Amino acid sequence: MRGTGESLDNTSLRLVVLWHRMLQVLEDPSGFSTAELLGNAAMAIGALVVIWGALRLMGINLLTEIQNAIERSMH
Protein backbone atom coordinates (compact mmCIF):
# COMPACT_ATOMS: atom_id res chain seq x y z
CA MET A 1 0.00 0.00 0.00
CA ARG A 2 1.30 3.45 -0.85
CA GLY A 3 2.02 6.02 1.80
CA THR A 4 0.45 9.46 1.80
CA GLY A 5 3.71 11.06 0.64
CA GLU A 6 3.88 8.89 -2.46
CA SER A 7 0.34 9.72 -3.52
CA LEU A 8 0.99 13.45 -3.03
CA ASP A 9 4.17 13.16 -5.12
CA ASN A 10 2.17 11.35 -7.81
CA THR A 11 -0.42 14.15 -7.73
CA SER A 12 2.32 16.76 -8.01
CA LEU A 13 3.76 14.94 -11.01
CA ARG A 14 0.34 14.82 -12.67
CA LEU A 15 -0.09 18.56 -12.11
CA VAL A 16 3.29 19.27 -13.72
CA VAL A 17 2.42 17.07 -16.69
CA LEU A 18 -0.97 18.80 -17.00
CA TRP A 19 0.69 22.23 -16.87
CA HIS A 20 3.20 21.18 -19.54
CA ARG A 21 0.38 19.91 -21.76
CA MET A 22 -1.57 23.15 -21.30
CA LEU A 23 1.48 25.16 -22.36
CA GLN A 24 1.88 22.97 -25.44
CA VAL A 25 -1.76 23.49 -26.41
CA LEU A 26 -1.54 27.24 -25.83
CA GLU A 27 1.40 27.42 -28.24
CA ASP A 28 -0.69 25.60 -30.86
CA PRO A 29 -2.64 28.14 -32.94
CA SER A 30 -5.75 25.94 -32.98
CA GLY A 31 -6.04 26.35 -29.17
CA PHE A 32 -8.19 24.29 -26.81
CA SER A 33 -11.15 22.23 -27.86
CA THR A 34 -14.20 22.34 -25.60
CA ALA A 35 -13.50 18.80 -24.37
CA GLU A 36 -9.90 19.70 -23.46
CA LEU A 37 -11.02 22.82 -21.65
CA LEU A 38 -13.66 20.97 -19.63
CA GLY A 39 -11.26 18.13 -18.89
CA ASN A 40 -8.59 20.52 -17.68
CA ALA A 41 -11.12 22.38 -15.53
CA ALA A 42 -12.22 19.08 -13.97
CA MET A 43 -8.60 18.10 -13.24
CA ALA A 44 -7.92 21.52 -11.70
CA ILE A 45 -10.93 21.15 -9.41
CA GLY A 46 -9.75 17.67 -8.49
CA ALA A 47 -6.29 19.02 -7.69
CA LEU A 48 -7.79 21.69 -5.44
CA VAL A 49 -9.80 19.05 -3.59
CA VAL A 50 -6.65 16.94 -3.10
CA ILE A 51 -4.69 19.96 -1.85
CA TRP A 52 -7.53 20.93 0.49
CA GLY A 53 -7.67 17.36 1.83
CA ALA A 54 -3.90 17.27 2.35
CA LEU A 55 -4.04 20.53 4.29
CA ARG A 56 -6.84 19.11 6.45
CA LEU A 57 -4.70 16.03 7.17
CA MET A 58 -1.90 18.35 8.28
CA GLY A 59 -4.31 20.08 10.67
CA ILE A 60 -4.88 23.21 8.62
CA ASN A 61 -8.53 24.13 8.19
CA LEU A 62 -8.34 26.38 5.14
CA LEU A 63 -11.92 27.65 5.34
CA THR A 64 -11.47 28.72 8.96
CA GLU A 65 -8.19 30.43 8.08
CA ILE A 66 -9.87 32.35 5.23
CA GLN A 67 -12.78 33.35 7.48
CA ASN A 68 -10.39 34.56 10.18
CA ALA A 69 -8.37 36.58 7.64
CA ILE A 70 -11.51 38.25 6.32
CA GLU A 71 -12.72 39.06 9.83
CA ARG A 72 -9.30 40.51 10.77
CA SER A 73 -9.28 42.69 7.68
CA MET A 74 -12.72 44.11 8.46
CA HIS A 75 -11.76 45.25 11.99
C-alpha atoms as a PDB file:
ATOM      1  CA  MET A   1       0.000   0.000   0.000  1.00  0.00           C
ATOM      2  CA  ARG A   2       1.295   3.450  -0.849  1.00  0.00           C
ATOM      3  CA  GLY A   3       2.015   6.019   1.805  1.00  0.00           C
ATOM      4  CA  THR A   4       0.445   9.461   1.798  1.00  0.00           C
ATOM      5  CA  GLY A   5       3.707  11.059   0.640  1.00  0.00           C
ATOM      6  CA  GLU A   6       3.883   8.886  -2.459  1.00  0.00           C
ATOM      7  CA  SER A   7       0.341   9.723  -3.515  1.00  0.00           C
ATOM      8  CA  LEU A   8       0.993  13.445  -3.031  1.00  0.00           C
ATOM      9  CA  ASP A   9       4.171  13.156  -5.119  1.00  0.00           C
ATOM     10  CA  ASN A  10       2.170  11.352  -7.806  1.00  0.00           C
ATOM     11  CA  THR A  11      -0.418  14.146  -7.734  1.00  0.00           C
ATOM     12  CA  SER A  12       2.320  16.756  -8.014  1.00  0.00           C
ATOM     13  CA  LEU A  13       3.759  14.941 -11.011  1.00  0.00           C
ATOM     14  CA  ARG A  14       0.342  14.822 -12.668  1.00  0.00           C
ATOM     15  CA  LEU A  15      -0.092  18.560 -12.112  1.00  0.00           C
ATOM     16  CA  VAL A  16       3.294  19.272 -13.715  1.00  0.00           C
ATOM     17  CA  VAL A  17       2.416  17.067 -16.693  1.00  0.00           C
ATOM     18  CA  LEU A  18      -0.967  18.801 -17.000  1.00  0.00           C
ATOM     19  CA  TRP A  19       0.695  22.227 -16.867  1.00  0.00           C
ATOM     20  CA  HIS A  20       3.201  21.185 -19.543  1.00  0.00           C
ATOM     21  CA  ARG A  21       0.376  19.906 -21.760  1.00  0.00           C
ATOM     22  CA  MET A  22      -1.572  23.153 -21.304  1.00  0.00           C
ATOM     23  CA  LEU A  23       1.485  25.159 -22.359  1.00  0.00           C
ATOM     24  CA  GLN A  24       1.884  22.966 -25.443  1.00  0.00           C
ATOM     25  CA  VAL A  25      -1.757  23.486 -26.408  1.00  0.00           C
ATOM     26  CA  LEU A  26      -1.538  27.239 -25.830  1.00  0.00           C
ATOM     27  CA  GLU A  27       1.404  27.419 -28.243  1.00  0.00           C
ATOM     28  CA  ASP A  28      -0.689  25.599 -30.858  1.00  0.00           C
ATOM     29  CA  PRO A  29      -2.643  28.143 -32.941  1.00  0.00           C
ATOM     30  CA  SER A  30      -5.746  25.944 -32.978  1.00  0.00           C
ATOM     31  CA  GLY A  31      -6.041  26.345 -29.170  1.00  0.00           C
ATOM     32  CA  PHE A  32      -8.190  24.285 -26.813  1.00  0.00           C
ATOM     33  CA  SER A  33     -11.152  22.229 -27.855  1.00  0.00           C
ATOM     34  CA  THR A  34     -14.195  22.340 -25.602  1.00  0.00           C
ATOM     35  CA  ALA A  35     -13.501  18.804 -24.369  1.00  0.00           C
ATOM     36  CA  GLU A  36      -9.901  19.699 -23.459  1.00  0.00           C
ATOM     37  CA  LEU A  37     -11.021  22.824 -21.651  1.00  0.00           C
ATOM     38  CA  LEU A  38     -13.663  20.973 -19.630  1.00  0.00           C
ATOM     39  CA  GLY A  39     -11.257  18.126 -18.894  1.00  0.00           C
ATOM     40  CA  ASN A  40      -8.589  20.521 -17.680  1.00  0.00           C
ATOM     41  CA  ALA A  41     -11.123  22.376 -15.533  1.00  0.00           C
ATOM     42  CA  ALA A  42     -12.224  19.080 -13.969  1.00  0.00           C
ATOM     43  CA  MET A  43      -8.601  18.105 -13.243  1.00  0.00           C
ATOM     44  CA  ALA A  44      -7.919  21.520 -11.704  1.00  0.00           C
ATOM     45  CA  ILE A  45     -10.933  21.155  -9.409  1.00  0.00           C
ATOM     46  CA  GLY A  46      -9.752  17.669  -8.492  1.00  0.00           C
ATOM     47  CA  ALA A  47      -6.290  19.019  -7.690  1.00  0.00           C
ATOM     48  CA  LEU A  48      -7.793  21.694  -5.443  1.00  0.00           C
ATOM     49  CA  VAL A  49      -9.798  19.051  -3.591  1.00  0.00           C
ATOM     50  CA  VAL A  50      -6.652  16.937  -3.104  1.00  0.00           C
ATOM     51  CA  ILE A  51      -4.687  19.960  -1.851  1.00  0.00           C
ATOM     52  CA  TRP A  52      -7.526  20.926   0.492  1.00  0.00           C
ATOM     53  CA  GLY A  53      -7.666  17.357   1.831  1.00  0.00           C
ATOM     54  CA  ALA A  54      -3.901  17.270   2.352  1.00  0.00           C
ATOM     55  CA  LEU A  55      -4.044  20.533   4.287  1.00  0.00           C
ATOM     56  CA  ARG A  56      -6.838  19.114   6.447  1.00  0.00           C
ATOM     57  CA  LEU A  57      -4.704  16.027   7.168  1.00  0.00           C
ATOM     58  CA  MET A  58      -1.896  18.349   8.278  1.00  0.00           C
ATOM     59  CA  GLY A  59      -4.306  20.075  10.667  1.00  0.00           C
ATOM     60  CA  ILE A  60      -4.876  23.210   8.615  1.00  0.00           C
ATOM     61  CA  ASN A  61      -8.531  24.134   8.185  1.00  0.00           C
ATOM     62  CA  LEU A  62      -8.337  26.376   5.144  1.00  0.00           C
ATOM     63  CA  LEU A  63     -11.920  27.648   5.336  1.00  0.00           C
ATOM     64  CA  THR A  64     -11.473  28.720   8.956  1.00  0.00           C
ATOM     65  CA  GLU A  65      -8.189  30.435   8.080  1.00  0.00           C
ATOM     66  CA  ILE A  66      -9.869  32.346   5.232  1.00  0.00           C
ATOM     67  CA  GLN A  67     -12.778  33.349   7.477  1.00  0.00           C
ATOM     68  CA  ASN A  68     -10.393  34.562  10.177  1.00  0.00           C
ATOM     69  CA  ALA A  69      -8.367  36.576   7.641  1.00  0.00           C
ATOM     70  CA  ILE A  70     -11.515  38.253   6.320  1.00  0.00           C
ATOM     71  CA  GLU A  71     -12.715  39.056   9.832  1.00  0.00           C
ATOM     72  CA  ARG A  72      -9.304  40.509  10.768  1.00  0.00           C
ATOM     73  CA  SER A  73      -9.281  42.690   7.676  1.00  0.00           C
ATOM     74  CA  MET A  74     -12.721  44.110   8.465  1.00  0.00           C
ATOM     75  CA  HIS A  75     -11.765  45.246  11.990  1.00  0.00           C
END
